[in-house]
């Protein structure tokens, strides 16, 4: 990995790394970074999360029961 900067004539020159530096990486370093980041992102997106699953199933079941009860009450009131 090499840090570079731009000169006033827009040429690239090597410099010490700062937070605003551009970074040049080799093709093998880029491949390693891309593969690791892609795997990490895919794992974060598609990993099974038991907490989220529990919230979704619980809220769906609660909504079904409340809607079913409300529908029964409305049907009972409609007969009166």
C-alpha atoms as a PDB file:
ATOM      1  CA  UNK A   1       0.000   0.000   0.000  1.00  0.00           C
ATOM      2  CA  UNK A   2       1.411   3.378  -0.993  1.00  0.00           C
ATOM      3  CA  UNK A   3       0.008   6.782  -0.070  1.00  0.00           C
ATOM      4  CA  UNK A   4       0.080   9.360  -2.839  1.00  0.00           C
ATOM      5  CA  UNK A   5      -0.883  12.971  -3.308  1.00  0.00           C
ATOM      6  CA  UNK A   6      -1.423  15.317  -6.211  1.00  0.00           C
ATOM      7  CA  UNK A   7       1.036  18.093  -7.033  1.00  0.00           C
ATOM      8  CA  UNK A   8      -0.040  21.529  -8.218  1.00  0.00           C
ATOM      9  CA  UNK A   9       0.483  20.296 -11.810  1.00  0.00           C
ATOM     10  CA  UNK A  10      -1.829  17.314 -11.111  1.00  0.00           C
ATOM     11  CA  UNK A  11       0.969  14.762 -11.041  1.00  0.00           C
ATOM     12  CA  UNK A  12       0.914  11.894  -8.580  1.00  0.00           C
ATOM     13  CA  UNK A  13       3.739  11.713  -6.036  1.00  0.00           C
ATOM     14  CA  UNK A  14       4.405   9.417  -3.088  1.00  0.00           C
ATOM     15  CA  UNK A  15       3.950  11.021   0.340  1.00  0.00           C
ATOM     16  CA  UNK A  16       3.475  10.138   3.964  1.00  0.00           C
ATOM     17  CA  UNK A  17       0.031   8.832   4.797  1.00  0.00           C
ATOM     18  CA  UNK A  18      -2.522  11.281   6.200  1.00  0.00           C
ATOM     19  CA  UNK A  19      -6.282  11.123   6.522  1.00  0.00           C
ATOM     20  CA  UNK A  20      -6.666  12.927   3.164  1.00  0.00           C
ATOM     21  CA  UNK A  21      -4.149  10.776   1.247  1.00  0.00           C
ATOM     22  CA  UNK A  22      -5.039   8.656  -1.721  1.00  0.00           C
ATOM     23  CA  UNK A  23      -4.004   5.019  -1.398  1.00  0.00           C
ATOM     24  CA  UNK A  24      -2.623   2.837  -4.160  1.00  0.00           C
ATOM     25  CA  UNK A  25      -2.915  -0.897  -3.637  1.00  0.00           C
ATOM     26  CA  UNK A  26      -1.601  -3.803  -5.675  1.00  0.00           C
ATOM     27  CA  UNK A  27      -3.997  -6.083  -7.513  1.00  0.00           C
ATOM     28  CA  UNK A  28      -3.498  -8.861  -4.952  1.00  0.00           C
ATOM     29  CA  UNK A  29      -4.177  -6.472  -2.060  1.00  0.00           C
ATOM     30  CA  UNK A  30      -7.290  -5.190  -3.824  1.00  0.00           C
ATOM     31  CA  UNK A  31      -8.554  -8.724  -4.431  1.00  0.00           C
ATOM     32  CA  UNK A  32      -8.002  -9.637  -0.791  1.00  0.00           C
ATOM     33  CA  UNK A  33      -9.809  -6.490   0.401  1.00  0.00           C
ATOM     34  CA  UNK A  34     -12.685  -6.942  -2.043  1.00  0.00           C
ATOM     35  CA  UNK A  35     -13.195 -10.606  -1.166  1.00  0.00           C
ATOM     36  CA  UNK A  36     -13.077 -10.006   2.589  1.00  0.00           C
ATOM     37  CA  UNK A  37     -15.440  -7.034   2.439  1.00  0.00           C
ATOM     38  CA  UNK A  38     -17.876  -8.798   0.116  1.00  0.00           C
ATOM     39  CA  UNK A  39     -18.008 -11.835   2.372  1.00  0.00           C
ATOM     40  CA  UNK A  40     -18.532  -9.635   5.425  1.00  0.00           C
ATOM     41  CA  UNK A  41     -21.312  -7.616   3.779  1.00  0.00           C
ATOM     42  CA  UNK A  42     -23.095 -10.721   2.505  1.00  0.00           C
ATOM     43  CA  UNK A  43     -22.884 -12.313   5.932  1.00  0.00           C
ATOM     44  CA  UNK A  44     -24.297  -9.188   7.612  1.00  0.00           C
ATOM     45  CA  UNK A  45     -27.168  -8.949   5.128  1.00  0.00           C
ATOM     46  CA  UNK A  46     -28.196 -12.600   4.950  1.00  0.00           C
ATOM     47  CA  UNK A  47     -27.220 -13.942   8.379  1.00  0.00           C
ATOM     48  CA  UNK A  48     -30.134 -15.427  10.307  1.00  0.00           C
ATOM     49  CA  UNK A  49     -30.940 -13.270  13.321  1.00  0.00           C
ATOM     50  CA  UNK A  50     -33.060 -15.041  15.918  1.00  0.00           C
ATOM     51  CA  UNK A  51     -34.066 -11.788  17.638  1.00  0.00           C
ATOM     52  CA  UNK A  52     -35.467 -10.237  14.444  1.00  0.00           C
ATOM     53  CA  UNK A  53     -37.201 -13.521  13.564  1.00  0.00           C
ATOM     54  CA  UNK A  54     -38.836 -13.636  17.009  1.00  0.00           C
ATOM     55  CA  UNK A  55     -40.072 -10.049  16.742  1.00  0.00           C
ATOM     56  CA  UNK A  56     -41.516 -10.592  13.252  1.00  0.00           C
ATOM     57  CA  UNK A  57     -43.242 -13.879  14.129  1.00  0.00           C
ATOM     58  CA  UNK A  58     -44.535 -12.525  17.453  1.00  0.00           C
ATOM     59  CA  UNK A  59     -45.944  -9.345  15.966  1.00  0.00           C
ATOM     60  CA  UNK A  60     -47.501 -11.258  13.055  1.00  0.00           C
ATOM     61  CA  UNK A  61     -49.183 -13.703  15.420  1.00  0.00           C
ATOM     62  CA  UNK A  62     -50.429 -10.866  17.627  1.00  0.00           C
ATOM     63  CA  UNK A  63     -51.817  -8.953  14.624  1.00  0.00           C
ATOM     64  CA  UNK A  64     -53.572 -12.103  13.364  1.00  0.00           C
ATOM     65  CA  UNK A  65     -55.213 -12.794  16.723  1.00  0.00           C
ATOM     66  CA  UNK A  66     -56.303  -9.162  17.222  1.00  0.00           C
ATOM     67  CA  UNK A  67     -57.684  -8.962  13.671  1.00  0.00           C
ATOM     68  CA  UNK A  68     -59.488 -12.275  14.023  1.00  0.00           C
ATOM     69  CA  UNK A  69     -61.063 -11.140  17.324  1.00  0.00           C
ATOM     70  CA  UNK A  70     -62.041  -7.770  15.880  1.00  0.00           C
ATOM     71  CA  UNK A  71     -63.608  -9.456  12.849  1.00  0.00           C
ATOM     72  CA  UNK A  72     -65.628 -11.747  15.096  1.00  0.00           C
ATOM     73  CA  UNK A  73     -66.888  -8.810  17.147  1.00  0.00           C
ATOM     74  CA  UNK A  74     -67.817  -6.842  14.022  1.00  0.00           C
ATOM     75  CA  UNK A  75     -69.642  -9.869  12.598  1.00  0.00           C
ATOM     76  CA  UNK A  76     -71.491 -10.338  15.914  1.00  0.00           C
ATOM     77  CA  UNK A  77     -72.485  -6.637  15.957  1.00  0.00           C
ATOM     78  CA  UNK A  78     -73.662  -6.899  12.342  1.00  0.00           C
ATOM     79  CA  UNK A  79     -76.153  -9.618  13.282  1.00  0.00           C
ATOM     80  CA  UNK A  80     -77.754  -7.513  15.999  1.00  0.00           C
END
